[in-house]
Amino acid sequence: MMTTNLRRRIVAVALQEFSRHGIKAVKMDDIARILSISKRTLYQVFEEKQQLLLECLKSRREQNLQYMQHFEQKGCNVIEILIAFYQLRIRQMRGVNPSFFLDLQRYPAVVSYCQENREDELRRSLLFFERGQKEGFFRTDLHYEIIVYVAQSAIENVMSKKLYEKYSLSELFDTFVLTLVRGVCTTKGIKTLDTCIENLPSSSD
């Protein structure tokens, strides 16, 4: 139990530090110091930095999936779920150092994990769009697999072109996601989307 709790604490601190400062800038010594544990103890739990980083990404992904499942279980429609996801990602993006995303490419196991996730995200996205079509919120005349691939490519392009140096990550995410969602919505979907957006708390709240 103690090892499990320590493992969770290490992952939580590491994810926070990697996000805030970039992965390359954060040493294992830094994480051990913040947690007030020895470097030896840290390496007993995680043998290397890449293993720790991989666990951080898996933990964040699992948290996100559980968060979205919570809204599904509440009986929310697809637009409400999308807005909830939008708000979650905006919160997560605030304060993230852009170098975090570039540093990910330095770790082969992490790159492989992210590639595997793309396939799973495609599957989940297509099921989600299919549900939205049945609910009458998403158009039935679109090829959603193409839309998902274009969205993934757009995100990768944002990072490769370093657009985050000109715009904040939240601005990029905000502009792209809302435009994409509006484009696939039916009239009913757009009306529901606008209502949800109007009810969003302002950044000053």
N, C-alpha and C. Protein backbone atom coordinates (compact mmCIF):
# COMPACT_ATOMS: atom_id res chain seq x y z
N MET A 1 0.83 -1.21 0.00
CA MET A 1 0.00 0.00 0.00
C MET A 1 0.86 1.26 0.00
N MET A 2 1.92 1.21 0.81
CA MET A 2 2.81 2.37 0.89
C MET A 2 3.45 2.65 -0.47
N THR A 3 3.87 1.57 -1.16
CA THR A 3 4.49 1.75 -2.48
C THR A 3 3.49 2.31 -3.47
N THR A 4 2.24 1.84 -3.39
CA THR A 4 1.19 2.33 -4.29
C THR A 4 0.94 3.81 -4.08
N ASN A 5 0.84 4.23 -2.82
CA ASN A 5 0.62 5.64 -2.51
C ASN A 5 1.80 6.49 -2.94
N LEU A 6 3.00 5.98 -2.72
CA LEU A 6 4.20 6.71 -3.13
C LEU A 6 4.25 6.84 -4.64
N ARG A 7 3.89 5.76 -5.31
CA ARG A 7 3.87 5.78 -6.78
C ARG A 7 2.92 6.85 -7.30
N ARG A 8 1.76 6.96 -6.70
CA ARG A 8 0.79 7.96 -7.11
C ARG A 8 1.31 9.37 -6.85
N ARG A 9 1.96 9.55 -5.70
CA ARG A 9 2.52 10.87 -5.38
C ARG A 9 3.61 11.26 -6.37
N ILE A 10 4.45 10.30 -6.72
CA ILE A 10 5.53 10.57 -7.67
C ILE A 10 4.96 10.97 -9.03
N VAL A 11 3.97 10.23 -9.50
CA VAL A 11 3.35 10.50 -10.80
C VAL A 11 2.70 11.88 -10.80
N ALA A 12 1.99 12.21 -9.72
CA ALA A 12 1.31 13.50 -9.64
C ALA A 12 2.30 14.66 -9.70
N VAL A 13 3.37 14.56 -8.94
CA VAL A 13 4.39 15.62 -8.90
C VAL A 13 5.13 15.69 -10.23
N ALA A 14 5.50 14.55 -10.77
CA ALA A 14 6.24 14.51 -12.04
C ALA A 14 5.42 15.12 -13.17
N LEU A 15 4.15 14.77 -13.25
CA LEU A 15 3.29 15.31 -14.31
C LEU A 15 3.19 16.83 -14.19
N GLN A 16 3.07 17.31 -12.97
CA GLN A 16 2.99 18.75 -12.75
C GLN A 16 4.27 19.45 -13.16
N GLU A 17 5.41 18.89 -12.78
CA GLU A 17 6.70 19.50 -13.08
C GLU A 17 7.05 19.40 -14.57
N PHE A 18 6.79 18.25 -15.17
CA PHE A 18 7.05 18.09 -16.60
C PHE A 18 6.22 19.08 -17.41
N SER A 19 4.95 19.24 -17.03
CA SER A 19 4.05 20.14 -17.75
C SER A 19 4.49 21.59 -17.59
N ARG A 20 4.88 21.95 -16.40
CA ARG A 20 5.21 23.35 -16.10
C ARG A 20 6.55 23.78 -16.69
N HIS A 21 7.54 22.89 -16.66
CA HIS A 21 8.89 23.29 -17.05
C HIS A 21 9.40 22.62 -18.33
N GLY A 22 8.68 21.61 -18.81
CA GLY A 22 9.19 20.82 -19.92
C GLY A 22 9.87 19.58 -19.37
N ILE A 23 9.87 18.52 -20.12
CA ILE A 23 10.39 17.24 -19.62
C ILE A 23 11.91 17.27 -19.47
N LYS A 24 12.57 17.81 -20.47
CA LYS A 24 14.04 17.83 -20.47
C LYS A 24 14.59 18.63 -19.29
N ALA A 25 13.89 19.69 -18.91
CA ALA A 25 14.38 20.57 -17.85
C ALA A 25 14.24 19.98 -16.46
N VAL A 26 13.41 18.97 -16.31
CA VAL A 26 13.16 18.38 -14.99
C VAL A 26 13.97 17.10 -14.83
N LYS A 27 14.81 17.07 -13.82
CA LYS A 27 15.64 15.89 -13.55
C LYS A 27 14.96 15.01 -12.49
N MET A 28 15.36 13.76 -12.47
CA MET A 28 14.84 12.86 -11.45
C MET A 28 15.20 13.37 -10.05
N ASP A 29 16.36 14.01 -9.94
CA ASP A 29 16.77 14.60 -8.67
C ASP A 29 15.78 15.66 -8.20
N ASP A 30 15.26 16.44 -9.15
CA ASP A 30 14.29 17.49 -8.83
C ASP A 30 13.02 16.89 -8.23
N ILE A 31 12.55 15.81 -8.83
CA ILE A 31 11.33 15.17 -8.36
C ILE A 31 11.53 14.57 -6.97
N ALA A 32 12.67 13.94 -6.76
CA ALA A 32 12.98 13.37 -5.45
C ALA A 32 13.05 14.47 -4.39
N ARG A 33 13.65 15.59 -4.76
CA ARG A 33 13.78 16.70 -3.81
C ARG A 33 12.41 17.27 -3.42
N ILE A 34 11.55 17.47 -4.40
CA ILE A 34 10.22 18.02 -4.13
C ILE A 34 9.42 17.08 -3.22
N LEU A 35 9.58 15.79 -3.42
CA LEU A 35 8.85 14.80 -2.62
C LEU A 35 9.53 14.49 -1.29
N SER A 36 10.72 15.04 -1.11
CA SER A 36 11.50 14.79 0.11
C SER A 36 11.79 13.30 0.29
N ILE A 37 12.16 12.66 -0.82
CA ILE A 37 12.57 11.27 -0.77
C ILE A 37 13.96 11.16 -1.40
N SER A 38 14.63 10.07 -1.16
CA SER A 38 15.95 9.90 -1.74
C SER A 38 15.85 9.52 -3.21
N LYS A 39 16.90 9.80 -3.93
CA LYS A 39 16.93 9.43 -5.34
C LYS A 39 16.87 7.90 -5.47
N ARG A 40 17.46 7.21 -4.53
CA ARG A 40 17.44 5.75 -4.54
C ARG A 40 16.01 5.22 -4.42
N THR A 41 15.23 5.85 -3.54
CA THR A 41 13.83 5.44 -3.37
C THR A 41 13.05 5.67 -4.66
N LEU A 42 13.30 6.81 -5.28
CA LEU A 42 12.62 7.13 -6.53
C LEU A 42 12.91 6.09 -7.60
N TYR A 43 14.19 5.70 -7.71
CA TYR A 43 14.57 4.74 -8.74
C TYR A 43 14.11 3.31 -8.41
N GLN A 44 13.77 3.06 -7.14
CA GLN A 44 13.20 1.77 -6.79
C GLN A 44 11.78 1.65 -7.32
N VAL A 45 11.11 2.78 -7.44
CA VAL A 45 9.73 2.79 -7.94
C VAL A 45 9.72 2.91 -9.46
N PHE A 46 10.55 3.82 -9.99
CA PHE A 46 10.66 4.01 -11.44
C PHE A 46 12.12 3.92 -11.83
N GLU A 47 12.45 2.95 -12.66
CA GLU A 47 13.84 2.68 -12.99
C GLU A 47 14.47 3.78 -13.83
N GLU A 48 13.67 4.48 -14.61
CA GLU A 48 14.20 5.53 -15.47
C GLU A 48 13.15 6.61 -15.72
N LYS A 49 13.60 7.71 -16.23
CA LYS A 49 12.73 8.86 -16.48
C LYS A 49 11.65 8.53 -17.51
N GLN A 50 12.01 7.79 -18.55
CA GLN A 50 11.05 7.45 -19.58
C GLN A 50 9.90 6.63 -19.01
N GLN A 51 10.20 5.71 -18.11
CA GLN A 51 9.17 4.90 -17.48
C GLN A 51 8.23 5.77 -16.66
N LEU A 52 8.79 6.74 -15.95
CA LEU A 52 7.98 7.66 -15.16
C LEU A 52 7.10 8.53 -16.06
N LEU A 53 7.68 9.04 -17.14
CA LEU A 53 6.93 9.87 -18.07
C LEU A 53 5.77 9.08 -18.69
N LEU A 54 6.03 7.85 -19.04
CA LEU A 54 5.00 6.99 -19.63
C LEU A 54 3.86 6.78 -18.64
N GLU A 55 4.20 6.59 -17.39
CA GLU A 55 3.18 6.41 -16.36
C GLU A 55 2.37 7.69 -16.16
N CYS A 56 3.02 8.83 -16.29
CA CYS A 56 2.32 10.12 -16.19
C CYS A 56 1.27 10.25 -17.29
N LEU A 57 1.65 9.91 -18.51
CA LEU A 57 0.73 10.01 -19.64
C LEU A 57 -0.43 9.03 -19.50
N LYS A 58 -0.14 7.83 -19.04
CA LYS A 58 -1.19 6.84 -18.83
C LYS A 58 -2.16 7.29 -17.74
N SER A 59 -1.62 7.88 -16.70
CA SER A 59 -2.45 8.37 -15.59
C SER A 59 -3.36 9.49 -16.05
N ARG A 60 -2.81 10.44 -16.82
CA ARG A 60 -3.61 11.56 -17.33
C ARG A 60 -4.70 11.04 -18.28
N ARG A 61 -4.37 10.11 -19.11
CA ARG A 61 -5.34 9.55 -20.05
C ARG A 61 -6.48 8.85 -19.30
N GLU A 62 -6.14 8.08 -18.29
CA GLU A 62 -7.14 7.37 -17.51
C GLU A 62 -8.05 8.36 -16.77
N GLN A 63 -7.46 9.42 -16.24
CA GLN A 63 -8.25 10.45 -15.56
C GLN A 63 -9.24 11.10 -16.53
N ASN A 64 -8.78 11.38 -17.73
CA ASN A 64 -9.64 12.02 -18.73
C ASN A 64 -10.80 11.10 -19.13
N LEU A 65 -10.49 9.82 -19.33
CA LEU A 65 -11.53 8.87 -19.70
C LEU A 65 -12.58 8.73 -18.59
N GLN A 66 -12.12 8.68 -17.36
CA GLN A 66 -13.05 8.58 -16.23
C GLN A 66 -13.90 9.84 -16.11
N TYR A 67 -13.29 10.98 -16.39
CA TYR A 67 -14.01 12.25 -16.33
C TYR A 67 -15.13 12.26 -17.36
N MET A 68 -14.85 11.82 -18.57
CA MET A 68 -15.85 11.81 -19.62
C MET A 68 -16.94 10.77 -19.35
N GLN A 69 -16.55 9.63 -18.79
CA GLN A 69 -17.52 8.60 -18.45
C GLN A 69 -18.51 9.10 -17.41
N HIS A 70 -18.04 9.96 -16.53
CA HIS A 70 -18.91 10.55 -15.51
C HIS A 70 -20.06 11.31 -16.15
N PHE A 71 -19.77 12.08 -17.20
CA PHE A 71 -20.82 12.85 -17.87
C PHE A 71 -21.74 11.95 -18.69
N GLU A 72 -21.19 10.88 -19.23
CA GLU A 72 -22.03 9.94 -19.97
C GLU A 72 -23.01 9.26 -19.03
N GLN A 73 -22.53 8.90 -17.84
CA GLN A 73 -23.40 8.24 -16.87
C GLN A 73 -24.47 9.18 -16.33
N LYS A 74 -24.22 10.48 -16.40
CA LYS A 74 -25.22 11.46 -15.96
C LYS A 74 -26.32 11.64 -17.01
N GLY A 75 -26.13 11.04 -18.18
CA GLY A 75 -27.13 11.14 -19.23
C GLY A 75 -26.99 12.38 -20.09
N CYS A 76 -25.80 12.98 -20.11
CA CYS A 76 -25.58 14.18 -20.93
C CYS A 76 -25.58 13.81 -22.41
N ASN A 77 -25.99 14.75 -23.26
CA ASN A 77 -25.94 14.51 -24.70
C ASN A 77 -24.53 14.76 -25.22
N VAL A 78 -24.30 14.47 -26.49
CA VAL A 78 -22.95 14.56 -27.04
C VAL A 78 -22.38 15.98 -27.01
N ILE A 79 -23.23 16.97 -27.20
CA ILE A 79 -22.75 18.36 -27.17
C ILE A 79 -22.30 18.73 -25.77
N GLU A 80 -23.08 18.35 -24.77
CA GLU A 80 -22.72 18.63 -23.38
C GLU A 80 -21.42 17.92 -23.00
N ILE A 81 -21.25 16.70 -23.50
CA ILE A 81 -20.02 15.96 -23.23
C ILE A 81 -18.83 16.63 -23.90
N LEU A 82 -19.02 17.10 -25.14
CA LEU A 82 -17.94 17.80 -25.85
C LEU A 82 -17.53 19.07 -25.12
N ILE A 83 -18.50 19.82 -24.63
CA ILE A 83 -18.20 21.04 -23.91
C ILE A 83 -17.46 20.73 -22.62
N ALA A 84 -17.85 19.65 -21.94
CA ALA A 84 -17.17 19.25 -20.71
C ALA A 84 -15.71 18.89 -21.02
N PHE A 85 -15.50 18.18 -22.13
CA PHE A 85 -14.14 17.82 -22.53
C PHE A 85 -13.35 19.07 -22.90
N TYR A 86 -14.00 19.98 -23.59
CA TYR A 86 -13.38 21.26 -23.98
C TYR A 86 -12.90 22.01 -22.74
N GLN A 87 -13.75 22.10 -21.73
CA GLN A 87 -13.38 22.81 -20.50
C GLN A 87 -12.23 22.11 -19.78
N LEU A 88 -12.28 20.77 -19.77
CA LEU A 88 -11.21 20.00 -19.13
C LEU A 88 -9.88 20.27 -19.80
N ARG A 89 -9.85 20.23 -21.13
CA ARG A 89 -8.60 20.42 -21.86
C ARG A 89 -8.06 21.84 -21.71
N ILE A 90 -8.96 22.82 -21.66
CA ILE A 90 -8.52 24.20 -21.45
C ILE A 90 -7.85 24.33 -20.09
N ARG A 91 -8.44 23.72 -19.07
CA ARG A 91 -7.84 23.77 -17.73
C ARG A 91 -6.47 23.10 -17.73
N GLN A 92 -6.37 21.97 -18.43
CA GLN A 92 -5.11 21.24 -18.46
C GLN A 92 -4.04 21.98 -19.25
N MET A 93 -4.46 22.74 -20.26
CA MET A 93 -3.50 23.43 -21.12
C MET A 93 -2.91 24.67 -20.46
N ARG A 94 -3.65 25.24 -19.51
CA ARG A 94 -3.17 26.45 -18.85
C ARG A 94 -1.87 26.16 -18.12
N GLY A 95 -0.86 26.92 -18.38
CA GLY A 95 0.41 26.77 -17.68
C GLY A 95 1.31 25.67 -18.21
N VAL A 96 0.89 25.00 -19.30
CA VAL A 96 1.74 23.95 -19.87
C VAL A 96 2.84 24.59 -20.71
N ASN A 97 4.05 24.20 -20.44
CA ASN A 97 5.19 24.69 -21.21
C ASN A 97 5.17 24.02 -22.59
N PRO A 98 5.18 24.79 -23.68
CA PRO A 98 5.14 24.20 -25.03
C PRO A 98 6.23 23.16 -25.28
N SER A 99 7.36 23.31 -24.61
CA SER A 99 8.45 22.36 -24.82
C SER A 99 8.09 20.96 -24.33
N PHE A 100 7.07 20.87 -23.48
CA PHE A 100 6.62 19.57 -23.00
C PHE A 100 6.27 18.66 -24.18
N PHE A 101 5.54 19.19 -25.15
CA PHE A 101 5.10 18.39 -26.29
C PHE A 101 6.25 18.03 -27.21
N LEU A 102 7.20 18.95 -27.36
CA LEU A 102 8.37 18.67 -28.20
C LEU A 102 9.27 17.63 -27.53
N ASP A 103 9.40 17.73 -26.21
CA ASP A 103 10.26 16.80 -25.48
C ASP A 103 9.76 15.37 -25.53
N LEU A 104 8.45 15.20 -25.72
CA LEU A 104 7.89 13.85 -25.79
C LEU A 104 8.54 13.02 -26.88
N GLN A 105 8.96 13.70 -27.98
CA GLN A 105 9.53 13.00 -29.12
C GLN A 105 10.90 12.40 -28.83
N ARG A 106 11.48 12.73 -27.68
CA ARG A 106 12.80 12.23 -27.32
C ARG A 106 12.76 10.81 -26.76
N TYR A 107 11.55 10.32 -26.49
CA TYR A 107 11.42 9.03 -25.80
C TYR A 107 10.67 8.02 -26.67
N PRO A 108 11.36 7.03 -27.23
CA PRO A 108 10.77 6.06 -28.16
C PRO A 108 9.53 5.34 -27.60
N ALA A 109 9.59 4.91 -26.35
CA ALA A 109 8.45 4.20 -25.76
C ALA A 109 7.22 5.11 -25.66
N VAL A 110 7.46 6.39 -25.40
CA VAL A 110 6.37 7.36 -25.30
C VAL A 110 5.78 7.62 -26.68
N VAL A 111 6.63 7.75 -27.68
CA VAL A 111 6.17 7.96 -29.06
C VAL A 111 5.31 6.79 -29.49
N SER A 112 5.76 5.57 -29.19
CA SER A 112 5.02 4.36 -29.53
C SER A 112 3.67 4.34 -28.83
N TYR A 113 3.64 4.72 -27.57
CA TYR A 113 2.40 4.76 -26.79
C TYR A 113 1.42 5.76 -27.39
N CYS A 114 1.91 6.93 -27.78
CA CYS A 114 1.06 7.96 -28.36
C CYS A 114 0.48 7.50 -29.70
N GLN A 115 1.27 6.77 -30.48
CA GLN A 115 0.78 6.26 -31.76
C GLN A 115 -0.32 5.22 -31.54
N GLU A 116 -0.15 4.39 -30.54
CA GLU A 116 -1.18 3.39 -30.22
C GLU A 116 -2.47 4.10 -29.78
N ASN A 117 -2.32 5.17 -29.04
CA ASN A 117 -3.49 5.92 -28.56
C ASN A 117 -4.27 6.54 -29.71
N ARG A 118 -3.58 6.92 -30.78
CA ARG A 118 -4.26 7.54 -31.92
C ARG A 118 -5.29 6.58 -32.52
N GLU A 119 -4.94 5.31 -32.59
CA GLU A 119 -5.87 4.32 -33.13
C GLU A 119 -7.08 4.17 -32.20
N ASP A 120 -6.83 4.15 -30.91
CA ASP A 120 -7.92 4.02 -29.94
C ASP A 120 -8.79 5.27 -29.96
N GLU A 121 -8.16 6.43 -30.09
CA GLU A 121 -8.91 7.69 -30.16
C GLU A 121 -9.77 7.73 -31.42
N LEU A 122 -9.26 7.20 -32.52
CA LEU A 122 -10.05 7.14 -33.75
C LEU A 122 -11.30 6.30 -33.54
N ARG A 123 -11.12 5.14 -32.93
CA ARG A 123 -12.24 4.24 -32.67
C ARG A 123 -13.28 4.91 -31.77
N ARG A 124 -12.81 5.51 -30.69
CA ARG A 124 -13.72 6.17 -29.75
C ARG A 124 -14.42 7.36 -30.41
N SER A 125 -13.69 8.11 -31.21
CA SER A 125 -14.25 9.29 -31.87
C SER A 125 -15.36 8.90 -32.84
N LEU A 126 -15.12 7.83 -33.61
CA LEU A 126 -16.12 7.39 -34.59
C LEU A 126 -17.39 6.91 -33.90
N LEU A 127 -17.25 6.22 -32.77
CA LEU A 127 -18.41 5.78 -32.00
C LEU A 127 -19.17 6.98 -31.44
N PHE A 128 -18.41 7.99 -31.03
CA PHE A 128 -19.02 9.20 -30.47
C PHE A 128 -19.79 9.96 -31.54
N PHE A 129 -19.19 10.10 -32.72
CA PHE A 129 -19.88 10.79 -33.81
C PHE A 129 -21.12 10.02 -34.26
N GLU A 130 -21.02 8.69 -34.25
CA GLU A 130 -22.16 7.86 -34.62
C GLU A 130 -23.31 8.08 -33.63
N ARG A 131 -22.98 8.16 -32.36
CA ARG A 131 -23.99 8.44 -31.34
C ARG A 131 -24.62 9.81 -31.57
N GLY A 132 -23.77 10.80 -31.88
CA GLY A 132 -24.27 12.15 -32.13
C GLY A 132 -25.20 12.23 -33.32
N GLN A 133 -24.93 11.42 -34.33
CA GLN A 133 -25.81 11.37 -35.49
C GLN A 133 -27.19 10.80 -35.10
N LYS A 134 -27.17 9.75 -34.29
CA LYS A 134 -28.42 9.13 -33.85
C LYS A 134 -29.23 10.10 -32.98
N GLU A 135 -28.53 10.95 -32.22
CA GLU A 135 -29.21 11.91 -31.36
C GLU A 135 -29.68 13.14 -32.13
N GLY A 136 -29.23 13.25 -33.38
CA GLY A 136 -29.66 14.37 -34.21
C GLY A 136 -28.81 15.61 -34.09
N PHE A 137 -27.65 15.51 -33.43
CA PHE A 137 -26.78 16.67 -33.23
C PHE A 137 -25.71 16.80 -34.32
N PHE A 138 -25.32 15.68 -34.92
CA PHE A 138 -24.26 15.69 -35.93
C PHE A 138 -24.81 15.33 -37.30
N ARG A 139 -24.25 15.95 -38.31
CA ARG A 139 -24.68 15.72 -39.69
C ARG A 139 -24.39 14.28 -40.13
N THR A 140 -25.23 13.79 -41.02
CA THR A 140 -25.08 12.41 -41.51
C THR A 140 -24.42 12.35 -42.89
N ASP A 141 -24.06 13.52 -43.44
CA ASP A 141 -23.50 13.56 -44.79
C ASP A 141 -21.99 13.73 -44.79
N LEU A 142 -21.34 13.48 -43.68
CA LEU A 142 -19.89 13.69 -43.57
C LEU A 142 -19.16 12.38 -43.33
N HIS A 143 -17.89 12.35 -43.75
CA HIS A 143 -17.03 11.19 -43.54
C HIS A 143 -16.20 11.48 -42.29
N TYR A 144 -16.62 10.92 -41.17
CA TYR A 144 -16.02 11.29 -39.89
C TYR A 144 -14.62 10.73 -39.67
N GLU A 145 -14.28 9.65 -40.33
CA GLU A 145 -12.92 9.14 -40.20
C GLU A 145 -11.94 10.15 -40.80
N ILE A 146 -12.30 10.76 -41.91
CA ILE A 146 -11.47 11.80 -42.52
C ILE A 146 -11.34 12.99 -41.57
N ILE A 147 -12.45 13.37 -40.95
CA ILE A 147 -12.45 14.51 -40.04
C ILE A 147 -11.51 14.27 -38.87
N VAL A 148 -11.52 13.06 -38.31
CA VAL A 148 -10.64 12.74 -37.18
C VAL A 148 -9.18 12.78 -37.62
N TYR A 149 -8.88 12.22 -38.80
CA TYR A 149 -7.50 12.24 -39.30
C TYR A 149 -7.02 13.68 -39.53
N VAL A 150 -7.90 14.50 -40.09
CA VAL A 150 -7.54 15.91 -40.34
C VAL A 150 -7.29 16.62 -39.02
N ALA A 151 -8.12 16.34 -38.02
CA ALA A 151 -7.96 16.96 -36.71
C ALA A 151 -6.63 16.56 -36.08
N GLN A 152 -6.30 15.28 -36.17
CA GLN A 152 -5.02 14.81 -35.62
C GLN A 152 -3.84 15.47 -36.35
N SER A 153 -3.95 15.58 -37.67
CA SER A 153 -2.88 16.20 -38.46
C SER A 153 -2.74 17.68 -38.13
N ALA A 154 -3.87 18.35 -37.91
CA ALA A 154 -3.85 19.77 -37.58
C ALA A 154 -3.13 20.01 -36.27
N ILE A 155 -3.39 19.16 -35.29
CA ILE A 155 -2.73 19.29 -33.99
C ILE A 155 -1.23 19.08 -34.14
N GLU A 156 -0.86 18.06 -34.90
CA GLU A 156 0.57 17.80 -35.13
C GLU A 156 1.23 18.96 -35.86
N ASN A 157 0.50 19.58 -36.79
CA ASN A 157 1.03 20.71 -37.55
C ASN A 157 1.23 21.93 -36.65
N VAL A 158 0.30 22.13 -35.72
CA VAL A 158 0.43 23.24 -34.77
C VAL A 158 1.74 23.12 -34.00
N MET A 159 2.07 21.88 -33.59
CA MET A 159 3.29 21.68 -32.81
C MET A 159 4.53 21.78 -33.70
N SER A 160 4.50 21.20 -34.89
CA SER A 160 5.68 21.22 -35.76
C SER A 160 5.99 22.63 -36.26
N LYS A 161 4.95 23.45 -36.48
CA LYS A 161 5.13 24.83 -36.93
C LYS A 161 5.38 25.80 -35.77
N LYS A 162 5.30 25.27 -34.56
CA LYS A 162 5.52 26.06 -33.34
C LYS A 162 4.59 27.27 -33.26
N LEU A 163 3.33 27.05 -33.62
CA LEU A 163 2.36 28.14 -33.56
C LEU A 163 2.11 28.60 -32.13
N TYR A 164 2.47 27.74 -31.16
CA TYR A 164 2.31 28.10 -29.75
C TYR A 164 3.23 29.25 -29.34
N GLU A 165 4.23 29.55 -30.20
CA GLU A 165 5.10 30.69 -29.90
C GLU A 165 4.41 32.01 -30.23
N LYS A 166 3.41 31.95 -31.11
CA LYS A 166 2.67 33.15 -31.51
C LYS A 166 1.33 33.25 -30.78
N TYR A 167 0.72 32.08 -30.54
CA TYR A 167 -0.58 32.04 -29.86
C TYR A 167 -0.49 31.12 -28.65
N SER A 168 -1.33 31.37 -27.67
CA SER A 168 -1.35 30.49 -26.50
C SER A 168 -1.99 29.16 -26.91
N LEU A 169 -1.63 28.10 -26.20
CA LEU A 169 -2.19 26.79 -26.50
C LEU A 169 -3.70 26.78 -26.32
N SER A 170 -4.18 27.50 -25.32
CA SER A 170 -5.62 27.56 -25.09
C SER A 170 -6.33 28.27 -26.24
N GLU A 171 -5.69 29.32 -26.80
CA GLU A 171 -6.27 30.02 -27.95
C GLU A 171 -6.36 29.09 -29.16
N LEU A 172 -5.31 28.34 -29.40
CA LEU A 172 -5.28 27.42 -30.53
C LEU A 172 -6.34 26.34 -30.37
N PHE A 173 -6.42 25.79 -29.18
CA PHE A 173 -7.39 24.73 -28.92
C PHE A 173 -8.81 25.27 -29.02
N ASP A 174 -9.01 26.44 -28.43
CA ASP A 174 -10.33 27.08 -28.44
C ASP A 174 -10.81 27.31 -29.87
N THR A 175 -10.00 27.99 -30.65
CA THR A 175 -10.37 28.34 -32.02
C THR A 175 -10.61 27.12 -32.89
N PHE A 176 -9.72 26.15 -32.82
CA PHE A 176 -9.81 24.98 -33.69
C PHE A 176 -10.99 24.08 -33.31
N VAL A 177 -11.10 23.75 -32.03
CA VAL A 177 -12.12 22.79 -31.60
C VAL A 177 -13.53 23.31 -31.83
N LEU A 178 -13.80 24.55 -31.43
CA LEU A 178 -15.15 25.08 -31.57
C LEU A 178 -15.54 25.23 -33.05
N THR A 179 -14.58 25.60 -33.89
CA THR A 179 -14.85 25.71 -35.32
C THR A 179 -15.16 24.35 -35.92
N LEU A 180 -14.38 23.34 -35.54
CA LEU A 180 -14.59 21.99 -36.04
C LEU A 180 -15.95 21.45 -35.60
N VAL A 181 -16.25 21.60 -34.33
CA VAL A 181 -17.51 21.08 -33.80
C VAL A 181 -18.70 21.74 -34.48
N ARG A 182 -18.66 23.05 -34.63
CA ARG A 182 -19.76 23.76 -35.27
C ARG A 182 -19.96 23.26 -36.71
N GLY A 183 -18.86 22.93 -37.38
CA GLY A 183 -18.95 22.49 -38.77
C GLY A 183 -19.63 21.15 -38.96
N VAL A 184 -19.59 20.29 -37.93
CA VAL A 184 -20.20 18.96 -38.07
C VAL A 184 -21.60 18.91 -37.46
N CYS A 185 -22.04 20.02 -36.87
CA CYS A 185 -23.34 20.04 -36.20
C CYS A 185 -24.51 20.27 -37.16
N THR A 186 -25.64 19.69 -36.83
CA THR A 186 -26.90 20.00 -37.51
C THR A 186 -27.41 21.32 -36.94
N THR A 187 -28.53 21.81 -37.45
CA THR A 187 -29.13 23.03 -36.90
C THR A 187 -29.44 22.84 -35.42
N LYS A 188 -29.95 21.67 -35.07
CA LYS A 188 -30.23 21.34 -33.67
C LYS A 188 -28.94 21.35 -32.86
N GLY A 189 -27.89 20.79 -33.44
CA GLY A 189 -26.61 20.74 -32.74
C GLY A 189 -26.02 22.12 -32.50
N ILE A 190 -26.10 22.98 -33.52
CA ILE A 190 -25.57 24.34 -33.40
C ILE A 190 -26.32 25.12 -32.32
N LYS A 191 -27.63 24.96 -32.29
CA LYS A 191 -28.45 25.65 -31.28
C LYS A 191 -28.06 25.20 -29.88
N THR A 192 -27.88 23.90 -29.70
CA THR A 192 -27.48 23.36 -28.40
C THR A 192 -26.07 23.80 -28.04
N LEU A 193 -25.17 23.80 -29.03
CA LEU A 193 -23.80 24.23 -28.81
C LEU A 193 -23.75 25.68 -28.35
N ASP A 194 -24.49 26.55 -29.04
CA ASP A 194 -24.50 27.97 -28.68
C ASP A 194 -25.04 28.17 -27.27
N THR A 195 -26.05 27.41 -26.90
CA THR A 195 -26.61 27.51 -25.55
C THR A 195 -25.58 27.10 -24.51
N CYS A 196 -24.87 26.01 -24.78
CA CYS A 196 -23.84 25.54 -23.85
C CYS A 196 -22.71 26.55 -23.71
N ILE A 197 -22.31 27.15 -24.83
CA ILE A 197 -21.23 28.13 -24.79
C ILE A 197 -21.65 29.38 -24.01
N GLU A 198 -22.89 29.81 -24.20
CA GLU A 198 -23.40 30.97 -23.48
C GLU A 198 -23.39 30.74 -21.97
N ASN A 199 -23.57 29.49 -21.57
CA ASN A 199 -23.63 29.16 -20.14
C ASN A 199 -22.27 28.84 -19.52
N LEU A 200 -21.23 28.90 -20.36
CA LEU A 200 -19.89 28.68 -19.83
C LEU A 200 -19.49 29.83 -18.90
N PRO A 201 -18.85 29.52 -17.78
CA PRO A 201 -18.37 30.58 -16.89
C PRO A 201 -17.28 31.39 -17.58
N SER A 202 -17.25 32.68 -17.33
CA SER A 202 -16.21 33.52 -17.92
C SER A 202 -14.89 33.24 -17.23
N SER A 203 -13.81 33.61 -17.91
CA SER A 203 -12.48 33.35 -17.35
C SER A 203 -12.23 34.10 -16.06
N SER A 204 -13.04 35.12 -15.80
CA SER A 204 -12.86 35.92 -14.59
C SER A 204 -13.65 35.37 -13.41
N ASP A 205 -14.57 34.38 -13.69
CA ASP A 205 -15.41 33.82 -12.63
C ASP A 205 -14.60 32.96 -11.69
